[in-house]
mmCIF file of all heavy atoms, coordinates in Angstrom:
data_MODEL
# 
_entry.id   MODEL 
# 
loop_
_atom_site.group_PDB 
_atom_site.id 
_atom_site.type_symbol 
_atom_site.label_atom_id 
_atom_site.label_alt_id 
_atom_site.label_comp_id 
_atom_site.label_asym_id 
_atom_site.label_entity_id 
_atom_site.label_seq_id 
_atom_site.pdbx_PDB_ins_code 
_atom_site.Cartn_x 
_atom_site.Cartn_y 
_atom_site.Cartn_z 
_atom_site.occupancy 
_atom_site.B_iso_or_equiv 
_atom_site.pdbx_formal_charge 
_atom_site.auth_seq_id 
_atom_site.auth_comp_id 
_atom_site.auth_asym_id 
_atom_site.auth_atom_id 
_atom_site.pdbx_PDB_model_num 
ATOM 1   N N   . ASP A 1 1  ? 2.639   14.951  -7.398  1.00 0.00 ? 1  ASP A N   1 
ATOM 2   C CA  . ASP A 1 1  ? 3.328   13.803  -8.012  1.00 0.00 ? 1  ASP A CA  1 
ATOM 3   C C   . ASP A 1 1  ? 3.900   12.874  -6.947  1.00 0.00 ? 1  ASP A C   1 
ATOM 4   O O   . ASP A 1 1  ? 3.824   11.650  -7.074  1.00 0.00 ? 1  ASP A O   1 
ATOM 5   C CB  . ASP A 1 1  ? 4.444   14.269  -8.944  1.00 0.00 ? 1  ASP A CB  1 
ATOM 6   C CG  . ASP A 1 1  ? 3.927   14.858  -10.244 1.00 0.00 ? 1  ASP A CG  1 
ATOM 7   O OD1 . ASP A 1 1  ? 2.785   14.542  -10.636 1.00 0.00 ? 1  ASP A OD1 1 
ATOM 8   O OD2 . ASP A 1 1  ? 4.680   15.622  -10.870 1.00 0.00 ? 1  ASP A OD2 1 
ATOM 9   N N   . ASP A 1 2  ? 4.480   13.451  -5.889  1.00 0.00 ? 2  ASP A N   1 
ATOM 10  C CA  . ASP A 1 2  ? 4.997   12.644  -4.783  1.00 0.00 ? 2  ASP A CA  1 
ATOM 11  C C   . ASP A 1 2  ? 3.877   11.821  -4.147  1.00 0.00 ? 2  ASP A C   1 
ATOM 12  O O   . ASP A 1 2  ? 4.041   10.631  -3.860  1.00 0.00 ? 2  ASP A O   1 
ATOM 13  C CB  . ASP A 1 2  ? 5.629   13.515  -3.699  1.00 0.00 ? 2  ASP A CB  1 
ATOM 14  C CG  . ASP A 1 2  ? 6.943   14.156  -4.088  1.00 0.00 ? 2  ASP A CG  1 
ATOM 15  O OD1 . ASP A 1 2  ? 7.552   13.723  -5.090  1.00 0.00 ? 2  ASP A OD1 1 
ATOM 16  O OD2 . ASP A 1 2  ? 7.346   15.113  -3.384  1.00 0.00 ? 2  ASP A OD2 1 
ATOM 17  N N   . LEU A 1 3  ? 2.728   12.469  -3.895  1.00 0.00 ? 3  LEU A N   1 
ATOM 18  C CA  . LEU A 1 3  ? 1.607   11.772  -3.275  1.00 0.00 ? 3  LEU A CA  1 
ATOM 19  C C   . LEU A 1 3  ? 1.083   10.659  -4.174  1.00 0.00 ? 3  LEU A C   1 
ATOM 20  O O   . LEU A 1 3  ? 0.729   9.581   -3.691  1.00 0.00 ? 3  LEU A O   1 
ATOM 21  C CB  . LEU A 1 3  ? 0.474   12.745  -2.951  1.00 0.00 ? 3  LEU A CB  1 
ATOM 22  C CG  . LEU A 1 3  ? 0.683   13.632  -1.736  1.00 0.00 ? 3  LEU A CG  1 
ATOM 23  C CD1 . LEU A 1 3  ? -0.488  14.603  -1.589  1.00 0.00 ? 3  LEU A CD1 1 
ATOM 24  C CD2 . LEU A 1 3  ? 0.860   12.816  -0.470  1.00 0.00 ? 3  LEU A CD2 1 
ATOM 25  N N   . ASP A 1 4  ? 1.021   10.909  -5.471  1.00 0.00 ? 4  ASP A N   1 
ATOM 26  C CA  . ASP A 1 4  ? 0.565   9.898   -6.407  1.00 0.00 ? 4  ASP A CA  1 
ATOM 27  C C   . ASP A 1 4  ? 1.492   8.683   -6.374  1.00 0.00 ? 4  ASP A C   1 
ATOM 28  O O   . ASP A 1 4  ? 1.041   7.531   -6.330  1.00 0.00 ? 4  ASP A O   1 
ATOM 29  C CB  . ASP A 1 4  ? 0.483   10.489  -7.811  1.00 0.00 ? 4  ASP A CB  1 
ATOM 30  C CG  . ASP A 1 4  ? -0.148  9.547   -8.801  1.00 0.00 ? 4  ASP A CG  1 
ATOM 31  O OD1 . ASP A 1 4  ? -1.224  8.983   -8.499  1.00 0.00 ? 4  ASP A OD1 1 
ATOM 32  O OD2 . ASP A 1 4  ? 0.427   9.366   -9.891  1.00 0.00 ? 4  ASP A OD2 1 
ATOM 33  N N   . GLU A 1 5  ? 2.783   8.945   -6.364  1.00 0.00 ? 5  GLU A N   1 
ATOM 34  C CA  . GLU A 1 5  ? 3.764   7.859   -6.309  1.00 0.00 ? 5  GLU A CA  1 
ATOM 35  C C   . GLU A 1 5  ? 3.684   7.122   -4.973  1.00 0.00 ? 5  GLU A C   1 
ATOM 36  O O   . GLU A 1 5  ? 3.729   5.891   -4.919  1.00 0.00 ? 5  GLU A O   1 
ATOM 37  C CB  . GLU A 1 5  ? 5.164   8.416   -6.538  1.00 0.00 ? 5  GLU A CB  1 
ATOM 38  C CG  . GLU A 1 5  ? 6.192   7.356   -6.812  1.00 0.00 ? 5  GLU A CG  1 
ATOM 39  C CD  . GLU A 1 5  ? 7.523   7.926   -7.287  1.00 0.00 ? 5  GLU A CD  1 
ATOM 40  O OE1 . GLU A 1 5  ? 7.625   9.136   -7.561  1.00 0.00 ? 5  GLU A OE1 1 
ATOM 41  O OE2 . GLU A 1 5  ? 8.465   7.127   -7.377  1.00 0.00 ? 5  GLU A OE2 1 
ATOM 42  N N   . LEU A 1 6  ? 3.535   7.869   -3.889  1.00 0.00 ? 6  LEU A N   1 
ATOM 43  C CA  . LEU A 1 6  ? 3.412   7.263   -2.565  1.00 0.00 ? 6  LEU A CA  1 
ATOM 44  C C   . LEU A 1 6  ? 2.167   6.383   -2.492  1.00 0.00 ? 6  LEU A C   1 
ATOM 45  O O   . LEU A 1 6  ? 2.221   5.279   -1.942  1.00 0.00 ? 6  LEU A O   1 
ATOM 46  C CB  . LEU A 1 6  ? 3.362   8.343   -1.486  1.00 0.00 ? 6  LEU A CB  1 
ATOM 47  C CG  . LEU A 1 6  ? 3.277   7.874   -0.041  1.00 0.00 ? 6  LEU A CG  1 
ATOM 48  C CD1 . LEU A 1 6  ? 4.484   7.008   0.327   1.00 0.00 ? 6  LEU A CD1 1 
ATOM 49  C CD2 . LEU A 1 6  ? 3.160   9.069   0.896   1.00 0.00 ? 6  LEU A CD2 1 
ATOM 50  N N   . ALA A 1 7  ? 1.059   6.843   -3.066  1.00 0.00 ? 7  ALA A N   1 
ATOM 51  C CA  . ALA A 1 7  ? -0.173  6.049   -3.082  1.00 0.00 ? 7  ALA A CA  1 
ATOM 52  C C   . ALA A 1 7  ? 0.071   4.718   -3.792  1.00 0.00 ? 7  ALA A C   1 
ATOM 53  O O   . ALA A 1 7  ? -0.429  3.672   -3.348  1.00 0.00 ? 7  ALA A O   1 
ATOM 54  C CB  . ALA A 1 7  ? -1.307  6.816   -3.748  1.00 0.00 ? 7  ALA A CB  1 
ATOM 55  N N   . GLY A 1 8  ? 0.834   4.744   -4.869  1.00 0.00 ? 8  GLY A N   1 
ATOM 56  C CA  . GLY A 1 8  ? 1.158   3.509   -5.576  1.00 0.00 ? 8  GLY A CA  1 
ATOM 57  C C   . GLY A 1 8  ? 1.965   2.552   -4.723  1.00 0.00 ? 8  GLY A C   1 
ATOM 58  O O   . GLY A 1 8  ? 1.713   1.337   -4.701  1.00 0.00 ? 8  GLY A O   1 
ATOM 59  N N   . PHE A 1 9  ? 2.948   3.088   -3.998  1.00 0.00 ? 9  PHE A N   1 
ATOM 60  C CA  . PHE A 1 9  ? 3.761   2.251   -3.109  1.00 0.00 ? 9  PHE A CA  1 
ATOM 61  C C   . PHE A 1 9  ? 2.903   1.642   -2.000  1.00 0.00 ? 9  PHE A C   1 
ATOM 62  O O   . PHE A 1 9  ? 3.017   0.459   -1.687  1.00 0.00 ? 9  PHE A O   1 
ATOM 63  C CB  . PHE A 1 9  ? 4.893   3.057   -2.469  1.00 0.00 ? 9  PHE A CB  1 
ATOM 64  C CG  . PHE A 1 9  ? 5.972   3.493   -3.411  1.00 0.00 ? 9  PHE A CG  1 
ATOM 65  C CD1 . PHE A 1 9  ? 6.603   4.716   -3.231  1.00 0.00 ? 9  PHE A CD1 1 
ATOM 66  C CD2 . PHE A 1 9  ? 6.380   2.708   -4.475  1.00 0.00 ? 9  PHE A CD2 1 
ATOM 67  C CE1 . PHE A 1 9  ? 7.610   5.141   -4.089  1.00 0.00 ? 9  PHE A CE1 1 
ATOM 68  C CE2 . PHE A 1 9  ? 7.389   3.111   -5.340  1.00 0.00 ? 9  PHE A CE2 1 
ATOM 69  C CZ  . PHE A 1 9  ? 7.997   4.330   -5.136  1.00 0.00 ? 9  PHE A CZ  1 
ATOM 70  N N   . VAL A 1 10 ? 2.043   2.458   -1.401  1.00 0.00 ? 10 VAL A N   1 
ATOM 71  C CA  . VAL A 1 10 ? 1.198   1.985   -0.304  1.00 0.00 ? 10 VAL A CA  1 
ATOM 72  C C   . VAL A 1 10 ? 0.228   0.919   -0.811  1.00 0.00 ? 10 VAL A C   1 
ATOM 73  O O   . VAL A 1 10 ? 0.025   -0.115  -0.162  1.00 0.00 ? 10 VAL A O   1 
ATOM 74  C CB  . VAL A 1 10 ? 0.445   3.162   0.362   1.00 0.00 ? 10 VAL A CB  1 
ATOM 75  C CG1 . VAL A 1 10 ? -0.564  2.661   1.391   1.00 0.00 ? 10 VAL A CG1 1 
ATOM 76  C CG2 . VAL A 1 10 ? 1.435   4.124   1.025   1.00 0.00 ? 10 VAL A CG2 1 
ATOM 77  N N   . ALA A 1 11 ? -0.366  1.149   -1.978  1.00 0.00 ? 11 ALA A N   1 
ATOM 78  C CA  . ALA A 1 11 ? -1.296  0.175   -2.553  1.00 0.00 ? 11 ALA A CA  1 
ATOM 79  C C   . ALA A 1 11 ? -0.588  -1.153  -2.831  1.00 0.00 ? 11 ALA A C   1 
ATOM 80  O O   . ALA A 1 11 ? -1.142  -2.226  -2.566  1.00 0.00 ? 11 ALA A O   1 
ATOM 81  C CB  . ALA A 1 11 ? -1.921  0.729   -3.826  1.00 0.00 ? 11 ALA A CB  1 
ATOM 82  N N   . ALA A 1 12 ? 0.627   -1.083  -3.350  1.00 0.00 ? 12 ALA A N   1 
ATOM 83  C CA  . ALA A 1 12 ? 1.391   -2.304  -3.629  1.00 0.00 ? 12 ALA A CA  1 
ATOM 84  C C   . ALA A 1 12 ? 1.682   -3.069  -2.339  1.00 0.00 ? 12 ALA A C   1 
ATOM 85  O O   . ALA A 1 12 ? 1.552   -4.303  -2.298  1.00 0.00 ? 12 ALA A O   1 
ATOM 86  C CB  . ALA A 1 12 ? 2.689   -1.957  -4.360  1.00 0.00 ? 12 ALA A CB  1 
ATOM 87  N N   . GLU A 1 13 ? 2.060   -2.343  -1.303  1.00 0.00 ? 13 GLU A N   1 
ATOM 88  C CA  . GLU A 1 13 ? 2.323   -2.998  -0.019  1.00 0.00 ? 13 GLU A CA  1 
ATOM 89  C C   . GLU A 1 13 ? 1.049   -3.614  0.550   1.00 0.00 ? 13 GLU A C   1 
ATOM 90  O O   . GLU A 1 13 ? 1.079   -4.706  1.107   1.00 0.00 ? 13 GLU A O   1 
ATOM 91  C CB  . GLU A 1 13 ? 2.931   -2.014  0.987   1.00 0.00 ? 13 GLU A CB  1 
ATOM 92  C CG  . GLU A 1 13 ? 4.361   -1.621  0.671   1.00 0.00 ? 13 GLU A CG  1 
ATOM 93  C CD  . GLU A 1 13 ? 5.314   -2.814  0.686   1.00 0.00 ? 13 GLU A CD  1 
ATOM 94  O OE1 . GLU A 1 13 ? 5.222   -3.675  1.589   1.00 0.00 ? 13 GLU A OE1 1 
ATOM 95  O OE2 . GLU A 1 13 ? 6.160   -2.884  -0.217  1.00 0.00 ? 13 GLU A OE2 1 
ATOM 96  N N   . ALA A 1 14 ? -0.074  -2.919  0.401   1.00 0.00 ? 14 ALA A N   1 
ATOM 97  C CA  . ALA A 1 14 ? -1.348  -3.453  0.884   1.00 0.00 ? 14 ALA A CA  1 
ATOM 98  C C   . ALA A 1 14 ? -1.699  -4.739  0.145   1.00 0.00 ? 14 ALA A C   1 
ATOM 99  O O   . ALA A 1 14 ? -2.165  -5.713  0.754   1.00 0.00 ? 14 ALA A O   1 
ATOM 100 C CB  . ALA A 1 14 ? -2.458  -2.423  0.711   1.00 0.00 ? 14 ALA A CB  1 
ATOM 101 N N   . ASN A 1 15 ? -1.457  -4.762  -1.151  1.00 0.00 ? 15 ASN A N   1 
ATOM 102 C CA  . ASN A 1 15 ? -1.775  -5.946  -1.954  1.00 0.00 ? 15 ASN A CA  1 
ATOM 103 C C   . ASN A 1 15 ? -0.919  -7.145  -1.590  1.00 0.00 ? 15 ASN A C   1 
ATOM 104 O O   . ASN A 1 15 ? -1.340  -8.287  -1.780  1.00 0.00 ? 15 ASN A O   1 
ATOM 105 C CB  . ASN A 1 15 ? -1.613  -5.631  -3.448  1.00 0.00 ? 15 ASN A CB  1 
ATOM 106 C CG  . ASN A 1 15 ? -2.691  -4.725  -3.965  1.00 0.00 ? 15 ASN A CG  1 
ATOM 107 O OD1 . ASN A 1 15 ? -3.774  -4.629  -3.392  1.00 0.00 ? 15 ASN A OD1 1 
ATOM 108 N ND2 . ASN A 1 15 ? -2.405  -4.031  -5.052  1.00 0.00 ? 15 ASN A ND2 1 
ATOM 109 N N   . HIS A 1 16 ? 0.271   -6.899  -1.064  1.00 0.00 ? 16 HIS A N   1 
ATOM 110 C CA  . HIS A 1 16 ? 1.172   -7.995  -0.716  1.00 0.00 ? 16 HIS A CA  1 
ATOM 111 C C   . HIS A 1 16 ? 1.201   -8.318  0.774   1.00 0.00 ? 16 HIS A C   1 
ATOM 112 O O   . HIS A 1 16 ? 1.910   -9.237  1.195   1.00 0.00 ? 16 HIS A O   1 
ATOM 113 C CB  . HIS A 1 16 ? 2.594   -7.689  -1.210  1.00 0.00 ? 16 HIS A CB  1 
ATOM 114 C CG  . HIS A 1 16 ? 2.688   -7.677  -2.704  1.00 0.00 ? 16 HIS A CG  1 
ATOM 115 N ND1 . HIS A 1 16 ? 2.581   -6.528  -3.440  1.00 0.00 ? 16 HIS A ND1 1 
ATOM 116 C CD2 . HIS A 1 16 ? 2.841   -8.686  -3.591  1.00 0.00 ? 16 HIS A CD2 1 
ATOM 117 C CE1 . HIS A 1 16 ? 2.687   -6.823  -4.721  1.00 0.00 ? 16 HIS A CE1 1 
ATOM 118 N NE2 . HIS A 1 16 ? 2.836   -8.128  -4.840  1.00 0.00 ? 16 HIS A NE2 1 
ATOM 119 N N   . ALA A 1 17 ? 0.453   -7.556  1.564   1.00 0.00 ? 17 ALA A N   1 
ATOM 120 C CA  . ALA A 1 17 ? 0.449   -7.768  3.014   1.00 0.00 ? 17 ALA A CA  1 
ATOM 121 C C   . ALA A 1 17 ? -0.237  -9.087  3.354   1.00 0.00 ? 17 ALA A C   1 
ATOM 122 O O   . ALA A 1 17 ? -1.318  -9.388  2.850   1.00 0.00 ? 17 ALA A O   1 
ATOM 123 C CB  . ALA A 1 17 ? -0.260  -6.608  3.713   1.00 0.00 ? 17 ALA A CB  1 
ATOM 124 N N   . LYS A 1 18 ? 0.399   -9.867  4.178   1.00 0.00 ? 18 LYS A N   1 
ATOM 125 C CA  . LYS A 1 18 ? -0.178  -11.140 4.604   1.00 0.00 ? 18 LYS A CA  1 
ATOM 126 C C   . LYS A 1 18 ? -1.072  -10.941 5.832   1.00 0.00 ? 18 LYS A C   1 
ATOM 127 O O   . LYS A 1 18 ? -1.989  -11.705 6.062   1.00 0.00 ? 18 LYS A O   1 
ATOM 128 C CB  . LYS A 1 18 ? 0.931   -12.137 4.896   1.00 0.00 ? 18 LYS A CB  1 
ATOM 129 C CG  . LYS A 1 18 ? 1.775   -12.430 3.657   1.00 0.00 ? 18 LYS A CG  1 
ATOM 130 C CD  . LYS A 1 18 ? 2.555   -13.684 3.794   1.00 0.00 ? 18 LYS A CD  1 
ATOM 131 C CE  . LYS A 1 18 ? 3.486   -13.922 2.631   1.00 0.00 ? 18 LYS A CE  1 
ATOM 132 N NZ  . LYS A 1 18 ? 2.887   -13.932 1.345   1.00 0.00 ? 18 LYS A NZ  1 
ATOM 133 N N   . ASP A 1 19 ? -0.802  -9.893  6.594   1.00 0.00 ? 19 ASP A N   1 
ATOM 134 C CA  . ASP A 1 19 ? -1.573  -9.570  7.787   1.00 0.00 ? 19 ASP A CA  1 
ATOM 135 C C   . ASP A 1 19 ? -2.794  -8.737  7.378   1.00 0.00 ? 19 ASP A C   1 
ATOM 136 O O   . ASP A 1 19 ? -2.652  -7.661  6.808   1.00 0.00 ? 19 ASP A O   1 
ATOM 137 C CB  . ASP A 1 19 ? -0.679  -8.786  8.756   1.00 0.00 ? 19 ASP A CB  1 
ATOM 138 C CG  . ASP A 1 19 ? -1.379  -8.439  10.046  1.00 0.00 ? 19 ASP A CG  1 
ATOM 139 O OD1 . ASP A 1 19 ? -2.383  -7.718  10.003  1.00 0.00 ? 19 ASP A OD1 1 
ATOM 140 O OD2 . ASP A 1 19 ? -0.886  -8.869  11.107  1.00 0.00 ? 19 ASP A OD2 1 
ATOM 141 N N   . LYS A 1 20 ? -3.987  -9.254  7.648   1.00 0.00 ? 20 LYS A N   1 
ATOM 142 C CA  . LYS A 1 20 ? -5.232  -8.585  7.226   1.00 0.00 ? 20 LYS A CA  1 
ATOM 143 C C   . LYS A 1 20 ? -5.402  -7.214  7.887   1.00 0.00 ? 20 LYS A C   1 
ATOM 144 O O   . LYS A 1 20 ? -5.907  -6.285  7.274   1.00 0.00 ? 20 LYS A O   1 
ATOM 145 C CB  . LYS A 1 20 ? -6.453  -9.456  7.532   1.00 0.00 ? 20 LYS A CB  1 
ATOM 146 C CG  . LYS A 1 20 ? -6.501  -10.718 6.707   1.00 0.00 ? 20 LYS A CG  1 
ATOM 147 C CD  . LYS A 1 20 ? -6.666  -10.384 5.236   1.00 0.00 ? 20 LYS A CD  1 
ATOM 148 C CE  . LYS A 1 20 ? -6.734  -11.651 4.415   1.00 0.00 ? 20 LYS A CE  1 
ATOM 149 N NZ  . LYS A 1 20 ? -6.759  -11.386 2.986   1.00 0.00 ? 20 LYS A NZ  1 
ATOM 150 N N   . LYS A 1 21 ? -4.981  -7.084  9.148   1.00 0.00 ? 21 LYS A N   1 
ATOM 151 C CA  . LYS A 1 21 ? -5.092  -5.793  9.840   1.00 0.00 ? 21 LYS A CA  1 
ATOM 152 C C   . LYS A 1 21 ? -4.189  -4.760  9.165   1.00 0.00 ? 21 LYS A C   1 
ATOM 153 O O   . LYS A 1 21 ? -4.604  -3.624  8.914   1.00 0.00 ? 21 LYS A O   1 
ATOM 154 C CB  . LYS A 1 21 ? -4.725  -5.939  11.316  1.00 0.00 ? 21 LYS A CB  1 
ATOM 155 C CG  . LYS A 1 21 ? -4.864  -4.645  12.089  1.00 0.00 ? 21 LYS A CG  1 
ATOM 156 C CD  . LYS A 1 21 ? -4.521  -4.816  13.556  1.00 0.00 ? 21 LYS A CD  1 
ATOM 157 C CE  . LYS A 1 21 ? -4.612  -3.472  14.263  1.00 0.00 ? 21 LYS A CE  1 
ATOM 158 N NZ  . LYS A 1 21 ? -4.164  -3.554  15.640  1.00 0.00 ? 21 LYS A NZ  1 
ATOM 159 N N   . LEU A 1 22 ? -2.958  -5.154  8.851   1.00 0.00 ? 22 LEU A N   1 
ATOM 160 C CA  . LEU A 1 22 ? -2.030  -4.260  8.170   1.00 0.00 ? 22 LEU A CA  1 
ATOM 161 C C   . LEU A 1 22 ? -2.571  -3.896  6.793   1.00 0.00 ? 22 LEU A C   1 
ATOM 162 O O   . LEU A 1 22 ? -2.517  -2.741  6.377   1.00 0.00 ? 22 LEU A O   1 
ATOM 163 C CB  . LEU A 1 22 ? -0.646  -4.895  8.050   1.00 0.00 ? 22 LEU A CB  1 
ATOM 164 C CG  . LEU A 1 22 ? 0.390   -4.096  7.254   1.00 0.00 ? 22 LEU A CG  1 
ATOM 165 C CD1 . LEU A 1 22 ? 0.631   -2.731  7.895   1.00 0.00 ? 22 LEU A CD1 1 
ATOM 166 C CD2 . LEU A 1 22 ? 1.677   -4.882  7.132   1.00 0.00 ? 22 LEU A CD2 1 
ATOM 167 N N   . GLN A 1 23 ? -3.105  -4.876  6.080   1.00 0.00 ? 23 GLN A N   1 
ATOM 168 C CA  . GLN A 1 23 ? -3.669  -4.627  4.761   1.00 0.00 ? 23 GLN A CA  1 
ATOM 169 C C   . GLN A 1 23 ? -4.791  -3.592  4.839   1.00 0.00 ? 23 GLN A C   1 
ATOM 170 O O   . GLN A 1 23 ? -4.848  -2.663  4.033   1.00 0.00 ? 23 GLN A O   1 
ATOM 171 C CB  . GLN A 1 23 ? -4.202  -5.924  4.159   1.00 0.00 ? 23 GLN A CB  1 
ATOM 172 C CG  . GLN A 1 23 ? -4.765  -5.744  2.766   1.00 0.00 ? 23 GLN A CG  1 
ATOM 173 C CD  . GLN A 1 23 ? -5.298  -7.045  2.187   1.00 0.00 ? 23 GLN A CD  1 
ATOM 174 O OE1 . GLN A 1 23 ? -5.580  -7.998  2.923   1.00 0.00 ? 23 GLN A OE1 1 
ATOM 175 N NE2 . GLN A 1 23 ? -5.434  -7.093  0.888   1.00 0.00 ? 23 GLN A NE2 1 
ATOM 176 N N   . LYS A 1 24 ? -5.655  -3.720  5.828   1.00 0.00 ? 24 LYS A N   1 
ATOM 177 C CA  . LYS A 1 24 ? -6.757  -2.772  6.006   1.00 0.00 ? 24 LYS A CA  1 
ATOM 178 C C   . LYS A 1 24 ? -6.227  -1.367  6.305   1.00 0.00 ? 24 LYS A C   1 
ATOM 179 O O   . LYS A 1 24 ? -6.710  -0.379  5.752   1.00 0.00 ? 24 LYS A O   1 
ATOM 180 C CB  . LYS A 1 24 ? -7.684  -3.248  7.125   1.00 0.00 ? 24 LYS A CB  1 
ATOM 181 C CG  . LYS A 1 24 ? -8.876  -2.353  7.346   1.00 0.00 ? 24 LYS A CG  1 
ATOM 182 C CD  . LYS A 1 24 ? -9.776  -2.878  8.444   1.00 0.00 ? 24 LYS A CD  1 
ATOM 183 C CE  . LYS A 1 24 ? -10.935 -1.928  8.664   1.00 0.00 ? 24 LYS A CE  1 
ATOM 184 N NZ  . LYS A 1 24 ? -11.827 -2.387  9.729   1.00 0.00 ? 24 LYS A NZ  1 
# 
């Protein structure tokens, strides 16, 4: 459950990242 929630947080940050390298 922790990993599932963490994956959601990471995906959200990736979607909002302005830096393409960070997004990748």
